[in-house]
């Protein structure tokens, strides 16, 4: 009987010890993670950019500076553009998200005041090689109206005022700022692959090829058409890849076409079943792989071509090398020509 009581007492003591240890750990964690009085500040809850709401309508430019990158959004003739591209339009949805974020961001809990630790929350001054983003807002007359350094760590956004050695977590959000390409409205062409009926190619050797398919046929149904009907395809994939390339057009950058320094090396003309033609010329520049575009459509209702030209005329669009090569294959990689020395009538008139 005595042994049984001792066992029960021992088990009770063990349970109570475990509960006490758990409560001690819980209190320790609470003391570590609960906000302290030092986490609060008179700024907490106040707008990060105090006067942005008042000056938003008069904002003429917003500049973003990082350690190895900077770019500026400017308002020109009522349209927001990126200065570094020569004035190409930026995406309105991202611009709206940015403006709303700058207007509604508020100071949250106070964080480190040690400059050596700013980099841990993405707030190193980019002008000194730090990892933060300096945002500067300018009025239409060029005067600076606001500036702030922002940074991210995990899902949290942090900020501090330049020149101050105190940082805060902020409430609110901003669009990603570390890549300028994400701001550019580069969705120029929207063509379903099934709409493409033919493609005419001229490669870097000035050899031409015309591929066609019937309405409703599959993606790999392209075949050589007159005057190249005697050519033999090396593979269906070799024909369909360049034939449908325009439906996958994904530019990664843009600049004025007037800044191209070389000559086009290839030409790629896409035709659709309902009469739209897109004439693409490919350029191999010292700074990468570029294309220019022009659309043609017959009839009075040629609105699709006009829409494309409104966005593409006067501009050169940068592609990855992989994507660029889909528009510029050698004809010899697509077909075996029955008579390699033969030249189709009018081929000299079809040059890049």
Protein backbone atom coordinates (compact mmCIF):
# COMPACT_ATOMS: atom_id res chain seq x y z
CA UNK A 1 0.00 0.00 0.00
CA UNK A 2 2.80 2.38 0.94
CA UNK A 3 4.63 1.59 -2.30
CA UNK A 4 1.51 2.38 -4.31
CA UNK A 5 1.11 5.77 -2.60
CA UNK A 6 4.75 6.60 -3.20
CA UNK A 7 4.36 5.77 -6.88
CA UNK A 8 1.29 7.98 -7.18
CA UNK A 9 3.05 10.85 -5.42
CA UNK A 10 6.05 10.49 -7.70
CA UNK A 11 3.86 10.56 -10.83
CA UNK A 12 1.97 13.59 -9.51
CA UNK A 13 5.22 15.42 -8.86
CA UNK A 14 6.48 14.55 -12.35
CA UNK A 15 3.29 15.88 -13.97
CA UNK A 16 3.39 19.07 -11.95
CA UNK A 17 7.08 19.53 -12.80
CA UNK A 18 6.32 19.17 -16.52
CA UNK A 19 3.48 21.69 -16.27
CA UNK A 20 5.69 24.13 -14.39
CA UNK A 21 8.48 23.77 -16.95
CA UNK A 22 5.99 24.34 -19.77
CA UNK A 23 4.66 27.49 -18.13
CA UNK A 24 8.19 28.76 -17.60
CA UNK A 25 9.08 28.21 -21.27
CA UNK A 26 5.81 29.89 -22.35
CA UNK A 27 6.54 32.95 -20.20
CA UNK A 28 10.10 33.08 -21.53
CA UNK A 29 8.90 33.05 -25.12
CA UNK A 30 6.32 35.71 -24.38
CA UNK A 31 8.99 37.93 -22.87
CA UNK A 32 11.17 37.47 -25.94
CA UNK A 33 8.57 38.09 -28.64
CA UNK A 34 6.01 40.38 -27.04
CA UNK A 35 6.46 44.04 -27.98
CA UNK A 36 8.32 45.99 -25.35
CA UNK A 37 7.93 49.63 -24.54
CA UNK A 38 11.04 50.31 -26.63
CA UNK A 39 9.26 48.90 -29.74
CA UNK A 40 6.77 51.75 -29.75
CA UNK A 41 7.42 55.28 -30.96
CA UNK A 42 5.51 58.54 -31.34
CA UNK A 43 5.62 57.76 -35.08
CA UNK A 44 3.80 54.43 -34.73
CA UNK A 45 0.59 54.60 -36.73
CA UNK A 46 1.62 57.78 -38.57
CA UNK A 47 2.04 57.90 -42.39
CA UNK A 48 5.55 57.05 -43.56
CA UNK A 49 5.35 59.80 -46.21
CA UNK A 50 3.43 62.47 -44.33
CA UNK A 51 2.63 64.77 -47.21
CA UNK A 52 2.30 62.27 -50.04
CA UNK A 53 -1.50 62.41 -50.07
CA UNK A 54 -1.33 66.16 -50.61
CA UNK A 55 1.31 66.07 -53.35
CA UNK A 56 0.30 62.85 -55.11
CA UNK A 57 -1.59 64.60 -57.89
CA UNK A 58 1.40 66.89 -58.53
CA UNK A 59 3.97 64.08 -58.62
CA UNK A 60 6.10 64.26 -61.75
CA UNK A 61 8.71 61.56 -61.14
CA UNK A 62 9.64 58.74 -58.77
CA UNK A 63 13.22 57.51 -58.69
CA UNK A 64 14.39 54.15 -57.32
CA UNK A 65 18.03 53.68 -56.41
CA UNK A 66 19.66 50.35 -55.51
CA UNK A 67 23.29 49.35 -55.15
CA UNK A 68 23.72 48.33 -58.81
CA UNK A 69 20.54 49.61 -60.43
CA UNK A 70 18.48 52.76 -60.64
CA UNK A 71 15.48 53.78 -62.72
CA UNK A 72 13.00 56.61 -62.85
CA UNK A 73 9.29 56.70 -63.58
CA UNK A 74 8.30 60.01 -65.17
CA UNK A 75 5.06 61.63 -66.20
CA UNK A 76 5.27 62.87 -69.79
CA UNK A 77 2.32 64.33 -71.63
CA UNK A 78 -0.12 62.76 -69.19
CA UNK A 79 1.45 59.29 -69.44
CA UNK A 80 3.80 57.54 -67.03
CA UNK A 81 6.94 56.19 -68.70
CA UNK A 82 10.36 54.86 -67.73
CA UNK A 83 13.08 57.40 -68.45
CA UNK A 84 15.87 54.85 -68.95
CA UNK A 85 14.05 53.20 -71.87
CA UNK A 86 13.67 56.45 -73.78
CA UNK A 87 10.13 56.95 -72.54
CA UNK A 88 8.40 53.57 -72.90
CA UNK A 89 5.05 53.33 -71.02
CA UNK A 90 4.91 51.56 -67.66
CA UNK A 91 2.16 49.29 -66.41
CA UNK A 92 -0.74 51.24 -64.94
CA UNK A 93 -1.67 48.49 -62.47
CA UNK A 94 1.78 48.51 -60.88
CA UNK A 95 1.82 52.31 -60.84
CA UNK A 96 -1.51 52.35 -59.01
CA UNK A 97 -0.24 49.78 -56.49
CA UNK A 98 2.86 51.89 -55.90
CA UNK A 99 0.94 55.13 -55.42
CA UNK A 100 -1.54 53.51 -53.03
CA UNK A 101 1.29 51.88 -51.11
CA UNK A 102 3.23 55.12 -50.69
CA UNK A 103 0.07 56.89 -49.59
CA UNK A 104 -1.13 54.30 -47.05
CA UNK A 105 2.12 53.01 -45.51
CA UNK A 106 2.31 53.70 -41.77
CA UNK A 107 5.10 53.33 -39.23
CA UNK A 108 4.85 50.18 -37.16
CA UNK A 109 7.05 48.77 -34.43
CA UNK A 110 10.45 50.29 -33.91
CA UNK A 111 13.40 48.11 -34.87
CA UNK A 112 17.18 48.41 -34.66
CA UNK A 113 18.98 51.72 -34.36
CA UNK A 114 22.37 50.12 -35.03
CA UNK A 115 23.51 51.05 -38.58
CA UNK A 116 25.63 47.89 -38.70
CA UNK A 117 22.43 45.82 -38.49
CA UNK A 118 20.35 47.70 -41.09
CA UNK A 119 21.40 45.23 -43.76
CA UNK A 120 19.73 42.38 -41.85
CA UNK A 121 16.32 43.88 -42.62
CA UNK A 122 17.16 45.19 -46.10
CA UNK A 123 17.73 48.82 -45.08
CA UNK A 124 21.37 49.35 -45.98
CA UNK A 125 21.85 52.68 -47.77
CA UNK A 126 22.24 51.80 -51.49
CA UNK A 127 24.37 54.91 -52.04
CA UNK A 128 26.96 53.27 -49.81
CA UNK A 129 26.61 49.80 -51.31
CA UNK A 130 23.76 48.75 -49.01
CA UNK A 131 20.87 46.42 -49.87
CA UNK A 132 17.97 48.85 -49.42
CA UNK A 133 15.92 50.74 -52.00
CA UNK A 134 15.98 54.53 -51.88
CA UNK A 135 12.67 55.95 -53.12
CA UNK A 136 12.62 59.64 -54.03
CA UNK A 137 9.47 61.49 -55.06
CA UNK A 138 9.63 64.67 -57.15
CA UNK A 139 6.99 67.25 -58.01
CA UNK A 140 6.27 68.30 -61.59
CA UNK A 141 8.58 71.29 -61.09
CA UNK A 142 11.48 68.96 -60.19
CA UNK A 143 11.58 69.64 -56.46
CA UNK A 144 11.94 66.65 -54.14
CA UNK A 145 8.86 66.15 -51.98
CA UNK A 146 9.65 62.89 -50.17
CA UNK A 147 12.29 60.19 -49.75
CA UNK A 148 12.53 56.93 -47.85
CA UNK A 149 14.70 53.81 -47.73
CA UNK A 150 12.72 50.57 -47.80
CA UNK A 151 13.66 46.92 -47.49
CA UNK A 152 12.18 43.46 -47.03
CA UNK A 153 12.90 40.50 -44.85
CA UNK A 154 10.68 37.47 -45.29
CA UNK A 155 7.10 38.75 -45.51
CA UNK A 156 7.73 42.01 -43.66
CA UNK A 157 8.40 45.49 -45.07
CA UNK A 158 10.78 47.84 -43.27
CA UNK A 159 11.67 51.50 -43.72
CA UNK A 160 13.77 54.31 -42.36
CA UNK A 161 14.37 57.90 -43.27
CA UNK A 162 17.70 58.58 -45.00
CA UNK A 163 20.20 60.08 -42.58
CA UNK A 164 18.45 58.66 -39.50
CA UNK A 165 19.80 55.74 -37.49
CA UNK A 166 16.45 54.30 -36.48
CA UNK A 167 14.39 51.74 -38.39
CA UNK A 168 10.82 50.54 -38.28
CA UNK A 169 8.65 47.75 -39.51
CA UNK A 170 5.91 49.37 -41.57
CA UNK A 171 2.29 48.49 -42.19
CA UNK A 172 1.30 48.36 -45.84
CA UNK A 173 2.90 47.04 -48.99
CA UNK A 174 4.74 48.05 -52.14
CA UNK A 175 5.18 46.25 -55.45
CA UNK A 176 8.54 44.52 -56.04
CA UNK A 177 11.12 47.20 -56.83
CA UNK A 178 14.33 45.30 -57.57
CA UNK A 179 13.73 44.74 -61.30
CA UNK A 180 12.86 47.53 -63.69
CA UNK A 181 11.58 45.17 -66.42
CA UNK A 182 8.56 44.26 -64.31
CA UNK A 183 7.32 47.85 -64.71
CA UNK A 184 7.30 47.79 -68.51
CA UNK A 185 4.06 47.09 -70.37
CA UNK A 186 5.53 44.56 -72.80
CA UNK A 187 2.39 42.55 -73.61
CA UNK A 188 2.38 43.75 -77.20
CA UNK A 189 0.83 40.86 -79.11
CA UNK A 190 -1.83 38.38 -78.09
CA UNK A 191 -2.27 35.75 -80.80
CA UNK A 192 -3.51 32.24 -80.18
CA UNK A 193 -1.35 29.61 -81.90
CA UNK A 194 -4.43 28.20 -83.64
CA UNK A 195 -4.92 31.54 -85.46
CA UNK A 196 -1.59 31.33 -87.30
CA UNK A 197 -1.87 30.10 -90.89
CA UNK A 198 1.61 30.70 -92.34
CA UNK A 199 5.06 32.09 -91.78
CA UNK A 200 7.59 33.47 -94.23
CA UNK A 201 11.23 33.33 -93.19
CA UNK A 202 14.43 34.87 -94.49
CA UNK A 203 17.52 33.74 -92.58
CA UNK A 204 20.96 35.29 -92.13
CA UNK A 205 22.16 33.73 -95.42
CA UNK A 206 19.26 35.44 -97.26
CA UNK A 207 17.61 32.09 -97.93
CA UNK A 208 13.81 32.13 -97.75
CA UNK A 209 11.08 29.66 -96.86
CA UNK A 210 7.29 29.77 -96.81
CA UNK A 211 5.36 27.43 -94.50
CA UNK A 212 1.58 27.08 -94.41
CA UNK A 213 -1.16 24.96 -92.87
CA UNK A 214 -4.92 24.59 -93.30
CA UNK A 215 -7.48 26.04 -90.83
CA UNK A 216 -8.17 23.65 -87.97
CA UNK A 217 -5.05 21.58 -88.51
CA UNK A 218 -2.63 20.73 -85.72
CA UNK A 219 0.37 22.68 -84.48
CA UNK A 220 2.75 20.41 -86.39
CA UNK A 221 0.91 20.57 -89.71
CA UNK A 222 3.05 23.28 -91.33
CA UNK A 223 4.59 22.28 -94.63
CA UNK A 224 6.57 24.05 -97.38
CA UNK A 225 4.37 25.98 -99.78
CA UNK A 226 5.00 27.40 -103.28
CA UNK A 227 7.50 28.30 -104.47
CA UNK A 228 9.19 25.96 -102.01
CA UNK A 229 6.76 23.02 -102.24
CA UNK A 230 9.53 20.59 -103.20
CA UNK A 231 11.45 21.17 -99.97
CA UNK A 232 11.37 18.29 -97.48
CA UNK A 233 10.91 18.95 -93.77
CA UNK A 234 13.65 17.70 -91.50
CA UNK A 235 11.01 17.36 -88.76
CA UNK A 236 7.56 18.65 -87.94
CA UNK A 237 8.92 20.29 -84.81
CA UNK A 238 11.58 22.13 -86.81
CA UNK A 239 8.76 23.77 -88.80
CA UNK A 240 6.23 24.43 -86.02
CA UNK A 241 8.72 26.07 -83.64
CA UNK A 242 9.44 29.13 -85.82
CA UNK A 243 5.95 29.09 -87.34
CA UNK A 244 4.29 29.64 -83.95
CA UNK A 245 7.04 31.77 -82.40
CA UNK A 246 5.04 35.01 -82.46
CA UNK A 247 2.44 33.48 -80.12
CA UNK A 248 5.21 33.11 -77.52
CA UNK A 249 6.77 36.56 -77.93
CA UNK A 250 8.03 37.62 -74.49
CA UNK A 251 10.21 40.76 -74.50
CA UNK A 252 12.40 41.41 -71.49
CA UNK A 253 13.42 45.00 -72.24
CA UNK A 254 12.83 47.83 -74.69
CA UNK A 255 14.66 50.80 -76.21
CA UNK A 256 14.08 53.24 -79.08
CA UNK A 257 14.62 51.56 -82.45
CA UNK A 258 16.77 54.55 -83.39
CA UNK A 259 19.39 53.27 -80.93
CA UNK A 260 19.97 50.06 -82.90
CA UNK A 261 23.48 50.16 -84.32
CA UNK A 262 23.54 47.15 -86.66
CA UNK A 263 21.50 45.81 -89.57
CA UNK A 264 18.74 43.20 -89.26
CA UNK A 265 20.00 39.65 -89.72
CA UNK A 266 16.68 37.86 -90.31
CA UNK A 267 13.04 38.46 -91.12
CA UNK A 268 9.97 36.58 -89.88
CA UNK A 269 6.46 37.35 -91.18
CA UNK A 270 3.51 35.70 -89.46
CA UNK A 271 0.13 35.43 -91.20
CA UNK A 272 -3.18 34.58 -89.54
CA UNK A 273 -6.20 32.88 -91.04
CA UNK A 274 -8.19 36.13 -90.84
CA UNK A 275 -5.73 38.44 -92.57
CA UNK A 276 -3.37 39.88 -89.95
CA UNK A 277 0.35 39.99 -90.79
CA UNK A 278 3.14 40.73 -88.31
CA UNK A 279 6.49 41.60 -89.83
CA UNK A 280 9.34 40.97 -87.36
CA UNK A 281 12.96 41.81 -88.04
CA UNK A 282 15.73 40.41 -85.87
CA UNK A 283 18.84 42.32 -84.80
CA UNK A 284 21.99 40.98 -83.15
CA UNK A 285 23.38 43.92 -81.18
CA UNK A 286 26.48 44.20 -78.97
CA UNK A 287 24.09 44.49 -76.03
CA UNK A 288 21.91 41.49 -76.81
CA UNK A 289 19.21 40.16 -79.11
CA UNK A 290 16.49 42.53 -80.33
CA UNK A 291 13.47 42.58 -82.66
CA UNK A 292 11.30 45.25 -84.27
CA UNK A 293 7.66 44.76 -85.21
CA UNK A 294 5.13 46.09 -87.68
CA UNK A 295 1.61 44.79 -88.25
CA UNK A 296 -0.46 44.96 -91.45
CA UNK A 297 -4.14 44.18 -91.84
CA UNK A 298 -6.37 44.66 -94.85
CA UNK A 299 -9.77 46.34 -94.75
CA UNK A 300 -11.31 49.32 -93.05
CA UNK A 301 -11.62 47.51 -89.72
CA UNK A 302 -7.88 46.92 -89.37
CA UNK A 303 -7.88 47.79 -85.69
CA UNK A 304 -5.71 44.94 -84.45
CA UNK A 305 -2.78 46.03 -86.59
CA UNK A 306 -3.19 49.64 -85.48
CA UNK A 307 -3.25 48.57 -81.83
CA UNK A 308 -0.03 46.62 -82.26
CA UNK A 309 1.66 49.42 -84.18
CA UNK A 310 0.63 52.02 -81.62
CA UNK A 311 2.60 50.06 -79.03
CA UNK A 312 5.47 48.76 -81.16
CA UNK A 313 6.25 51.45 -83.72
CA UNK A 314 9.56 53.14 -83.05
CA UNK A 315 10.67 50.61 -80.44
CA UNK A 316 13.08 47.68 -80.36
CA UNK A 317 12.33 44.82 -77.98
CA UNK A 318 14.96 42.68 -76.33
CA UNK A 319 14.53 38.90 -76.18
CA UNK A 320 16.45 36.15 -74.51
CA UNK A 321 18.84 34.45 -76.90
CA UNK A 322 16.75 31.28 -76.72
CA UNK A 323 13.54 33.09 -77.75
CA UNK A 324 15.33 35.16 -80.40
CA UNK A 325 16.64 32.02 -82.10
CA UNK A 326 13.07 30.75 -82.58
CA UNK A 327 12.59 33.66 -85.00
CA UNK A 328 15.97 33.29 -86.71
CA UNK A 329 16.63 29.63 -87.62
CA UNK A 330 18.58 28.78 -90.74
CA UNK A 331 16.25 27.54 -93.46
CA UNK A 332 18.58 24.58 -93.89
CA UNK A 333 17.76 23.49 -90.31
CA UNK A 334 14.06 23.26 -91.24
CA UNK A 335 14.06 21.73 -94.72
CA UNK A 336 16.21 19.88 -97.20
CA UNK A 337 16.10 21.84 -100.41
CA UNK A 338 15.84 19.66 -103.51
CA UNK A 339 18.15 22.00 -105.41
CA UNK A 340 20.17 24.07 -102.92
CA UNK A 341 21.41 26.33 -105.71
CA UNK A 342 17.93 27.05 -107.01
CA UNK A 343 16.46 30.45 -106.19
CA UNK A 344 12.75 31.02 -106.01
CA UNK A 345 11.28 33.78 -108.19
CA UNK A 346 11.33 37.10 -106.36
CA UNK A 347 13.50 35.83 -103.52
CA UNK A 348 15.90 38.74 -103.88
CA UNK A 349 13.01 41.07 -103.10
CA UNK A 350 12.44 39.41 -99.76
CA UNK A 351 15.37 40.49 -97.61
CA UNK A 352 15.83 41.46 -93.99
